[in-house]
Amino acid sequence: MRLSQCKPGQGGTITQVDGEGAVGQRLMEMGLIEGVSVKVIRVAPLGDPIEVEVQHYNLSLRKSEADRVEVDA
């Protein structure tokens, strides 16, 4: 399941980050790496951005960025 498909309160363990180009590298620098737990905190009314909790801090991602992160619920 992609992180962008998760509802508030859902989450899981990151299984894959599509790390192509600068965006993928930046996601991994922000702590979105395989094996880390992530949880969706809230989603904006129009679906963009998405606020997630990762490694005890909150991070806002665009929906296109959250599409690059695959989680195992």
N, C-alpha and C. Protein backbone atom coordinates (compact mmCIF):
# COMPACT_ATOMS: atom_id res chain seq x y z
N MET A 1 0.85 -1.17 0.00
CA MET A 1 0.00 0.00 0.00
C MET A 1 0.90 1.24 0.00
N ARG A 2 0.52 2.23 -0.75
CA ARG A 2 1.26 3.49 -0.79
C ARG A 2 0.88 4.37 0.40
N LEU A 3 1.80 5.16 0.87
CA LEU A 3 1.56 6.03 2.02
C LEU A 3 0.44 7.02 1.71
N SER A 4 0.32 7.43 0.48
CA SER A 4 -0.73 8.38 0.10
C SER A 4 -2.12 7.76 0.20
N GLN A 5 -2.24 6.45 0.24
CA GLN A 5 -3.53 5.77 0.33
C GLN A 5 -3.99 5.55 1.77
N CYS A 6 -3.12 5.78 2.73
CA CYS A 6 -3.45 5.57 4.14
C CYS A 6 -4.35 6.70 4.65
N LYS A 7 -5.27 6.34 5.51
CA LYS A 7 -6.16 7.29 6.16
C LYS A 7 -5.52 7.75 7.48
N PRO A 8 -5.98 8.86 8.05
CA PRO A 8 -5.45 9.29 9.35
C PRO A 8 -5.58 8.19 10.40
N GLY A 9 -4.52 7.95 11.13
CA GLY A 9 -4.47 6.89 12.13
C GLY A 9 -3.86 5.61 11.61
N GLN A 10 -3.82 5.45 10.30
CA GLN A 10 -3.21 4.25 9.71
C GLN A 10 -1.72 4.49 9.48
N GLY A 11 -1.03 3.42 9.31
CA GLY A 11 0.39 3.50 9.03
C GLY A 11 0.96 2.11 8.95
N GLY A 12 2.25 2.01 9.11
CA GLY A 12 2.92 0.72 9.05
C GLY A 12 4.41 0.91 8.95
N THR A 13 5.05 -0.12 8.46
CA THR A 13 6.49 -0.12 8.30
C THR A 13 6.83 0.14 6.83
N ILE A 14 7.77 1.02 6.60
CA ILE A 14 8.17 1.34 5.23
C ILE A 14 8.88 0.14 4.63
N THR A 15 8.42 -0.30 3.46
CA THR A 15 9.03 -1.44 2.79
C THR A 15 9.87 -1.01 1.59
N GLN A 16 9.54 0.16 1.01
CA GLN A 16 10.27 0.60 -0.17
C GLN A 16 10.07 2.10 -0.37
N VAL A 17 11.14 2.78 -0.79
CA VAL A 17 11.08 4.17 -1.19
C VAL A 17 11.62 4.24 -2.60
N ASP A 18 10.79 4.74 -3.53
CA ASP A 18 11.23 4.88 -4.91
C ASP A 18 12.19 6.05 -4.97
N GLY A 19 13.47 5.74 -4.90
CA GLY A 19 14.50 6.76 -4.77
C GLY A 19 15.13 7.20 -6.06
N GLU A 20 14.32 7.63 -7.00
CA GLU A 20 14.87 8.12 -8.26
C GLU A 20 15.04 9.63 -8.18
N GLY A 21 16.22 10.10 -8.47
CA GLY A 21 16.47 11.53 -8.52
C GLY A 21 16.58 12.19 -7.16
N ALA A 22 16.51 13.50 -7.19
CA ALA A 22 16.70 14.30 -5.99
C ALA A 22 15.56 14.13 -4.99
N VAL A 23 14.34 13.93 -5.47
CA VAL A 23 13.20 13.80 -4.57
C VAL A 23 13.32 12.54 -3.72
N GLY A 24 13.65 11.43 -4.33
CA GLY A 24 13.83 10.18 -3.58
C GLY A 24 14.94 10.27 -2.57
N GLN A 25 16.05 10.91 -2.95
CA GLN A 25 17.17 11.07 -2.04
C GLN A 25 16.77 11.96 -0.86
N ARG A 26 16.01 13.01 -1.13
CA ARG A 26 15.57 13.92 -0.07
C ARG A 26 14.62 13.22 0.90
N LEU A 27 13.74 12.36 0.40
CA LEU A 27 12.85 11.60 1.28
C LEU A 27 13.65 10.72 2.24
N MET A 28 14.68 10.08 1.72
CA MET A 28 15.50 9.23 2.58
C MET A 28 16.29 10.06 3.58
N GLU A 29 16.71 11.25 3.21
CA GLU A 29 17.41 12.14 4.15
C GLU A 29 16.50 12.60 5.28
N MET A 30 15.19 12.68 5.00
CA MET A 30 14.22 13.10 6.03
C MET A 30 13.83 11.94 6.95
N GLY A 31 14.39 10.76 6.73
CA GLY A 31 14.13 9.64 7.63
C GLY A 31 13.19 8.59 7.09
N LEU A 32 12.73 8.73 5.87
CA LEU A 32 11.83 7.74 5.28
C LEU A 32 12.67 6.65 4.61
N ILE A 33 13.09 5.69 5.42
CA ILE A 33 13.92 4.59 4.93
C ILE A 33 13.25 3.27 5.29
N GLU A 34 13.66 2.21 4.61
CA GLU A 34 13.07 0.89 4.83
C GLU A 34 13.21 0.45 6.28
N GLY A 35 12.13 -0.12 6.83
CA GLY A 35 12.15 -0.65 8.19
C GLY A 35 11.69 0.33 9.26
N VAL A 36 11.46 1.58 8.89
CA VAL A 36 11.04 2.60 9.85
C VAL A 36 9.51 2.65 9.91
N SER A 37 8.96 2.82 11.11
CA SER A 37 7.51 2.94 11.27
C SER A 37 7.05 4.34 10.93
N VAL A 38 5.91 4.42 10.27
CA VAL A 38 5.34 5.71 9.87
C VAL A 38 3.84 5.64 10.10
N LYS A 39 3.24 6.79 10.49
CA LYS A 39 1.82 6.85 10.77
C LYS A 39 1.27 8.16 10.21
N VAL A 40 0.12 8.10 9.54
CA VAL A 40 -0.53 9.30 9.01
C VAL A 40 -1.26 9.99 10.16
N ILE A 41 -0.96 11.26 10.36
CA ILE A 41 -1.59 12.05 11.42
C ILE A 41 -2.84 12.72 10.89
N ARG A 42 -2.72 13.45 9.79
CA ARG A 42 -3.87 14.11 9.18
C ARG A 42 -3.61 14.38 7.70
N VAL A 43 -4.72 14.56 6.99
CA VAL A 43 -4.67 14.84 5.56
C VAL A 43 -5.46 16.13 5.32
N ALA A 44 -4.93 17.02 4.52
CA ALA A 44 -5.60 18.28 4.21
C ALA A 44 -6.93 17.99 3.49
N PRO A 45 -7.88 18.90 3.56
CA PRO A 45 -9.20 18.66 2.95
C PRO A 45 -9.16 18.26 1.47
N LEU A 46 -8.24 18.81 0.72
CA LEU A 46 -8.14 18.45 -0.70
C LEU A 46 -7.13 17.33 -0.95
N GLY A 47 -6.60 16.75 0.13
CA GLY A 47 -5.70 15.60 0.00
C GLY A 47 -4.23 15.94 -0.13
N ASP A 48 -3.89 17.21 -0.09
CA ASP A 48 -2.49 17.61 -0.25
C ASP A 48 -2.23 18.82 0.61
N PRO A 49 -1.36 18.81 1.58
CA PRO A 49 -0.35 17.81 1.94
C PRO A 49 -0.88 16.78 2.93
N ILE A 50 -0.01 15.82 3.23
CA ILE A 50 -0.28 14.75 4.19
C ILE A 50 0.73 14.89 5.32
N GLU A 51 0.25 14.91 6.56
CA GLU A 51 1.15 15.01 7.70
C GLU A 51 1.35 13.61 8.28
N VAL A 52 2.61 13.20 8.42
CA VAL A 52 2.94 11.88 8.95
C VAL A 52 3.88 12.01 10.13
N GLU A 53 3.84 10.99 10.99
CA GLU A 53 4.78 10.91 12.10
C GLU A 53 5.81 9.84 11.76
N VAL A 54 7.07 10.23 11.78
CA VAL A 54 8.15 9.31 11.49
C VAL A 54 9.31 9.61 12.44
N GLN A 55 9.78 8.60 13.12
CA GLN A 55 10.88 8.71 14.08
C GLN A 55 10.66 9.85 15.08
N HIS A 56 9.47 9.91 15.66
CA HIS A 56 9.09 10.84 16.74
C HIS A 56 9.07 12.30 16.30
N TYR A 57 8.88 12.57 15.01
CA TYR A 57 8.63 13.94 14.58
C TYR A 57 7.60 13.94 13.46
N ASN A 58 6.95 15.08 13.27
CA ASN A 58 5.93 15.20 12.24
C ASN A 58 6.53 15.79 10.97
N LEU A 59 6.09 15.26 9.84
CA LEU A 59 6.62 15.64 8.55
C LEU A 59 5.46 15.82 7.58
N SER A 60 5.44 16.92 6.85
CA SER A 60 4.40 17.15 5.85
C SER A 60 4.95 16.80 4.48
N LEU A 61 4.19 15.98 3.75
CA LEU A 61 4.59 15.54 2.43
C LEU A 61 3.51 15.87 1.42
N ARG A 62 3.92 16.17 0.21
CA ARG A 62 2.95 16.30 -0.87
C ARG A 62 2.48 14.92 -1.24
N LYS A 63 1.30 14.86 -1.84
CA LYS A 63 0.74 13.57 -2.22
C LYS A 63 1.64 12.85 -3.21
N SER A 64 2.26 13.57 -4.12
CA SER A 64 3.17 12.96 -5.09
C SER A 64 4.40 12.36 -4.42
N GLU A 65 4.85 12.97 -3.33
CA GLU A 65 5.98 12.43 -2.58
C GLU A 65 5.55 11.20 -1.79
N ALA A 66 4.35 11.24 -1.19
CA ALA A 66 3.85 10.10 -0.43
C ALA A 66 3.58 8.89 -1.33
N ASP A 67 3.33 9.14 -2.63
CA ASP A 67 3.15 8.05 -3.58
C ASP A 67 4.42 7.24 -3.78
N ARG A 68 5.56 7.81 -3.47
CA ARG A 68 6.84 7.12 -3.65
C ARG A 68 7.17 6.18 -2.49
N VAL A 69 6.40 6.25 -1.40
CA VAL A 69 6.68 5.46 -0.21
C VAL A 69 5.66 4.34 -0.09
N GLU A 70 6.16 3.11 -0.03
CA GLU A 70 5.29 1.95 0.13
C GLU A 70 5.41 1.43 1.56
N VAL A 71 4.24 1.15 2.18
CA VAL A 71 4.22 0.68 3.57
C VAL A 71 3.50 -0.65 3.66
N ASP A 72 3.87 -1.43 4.68
CA ASP A 72 3.21 -2.68 5.00
C ASP A 72 2.39 -2.44 6.25
N ALA A 73 1.08 -2.41 6.10
CA ALA A 73 0.18 -2.05 7.20
C ALA A 73 0.23 -3.02 8.31
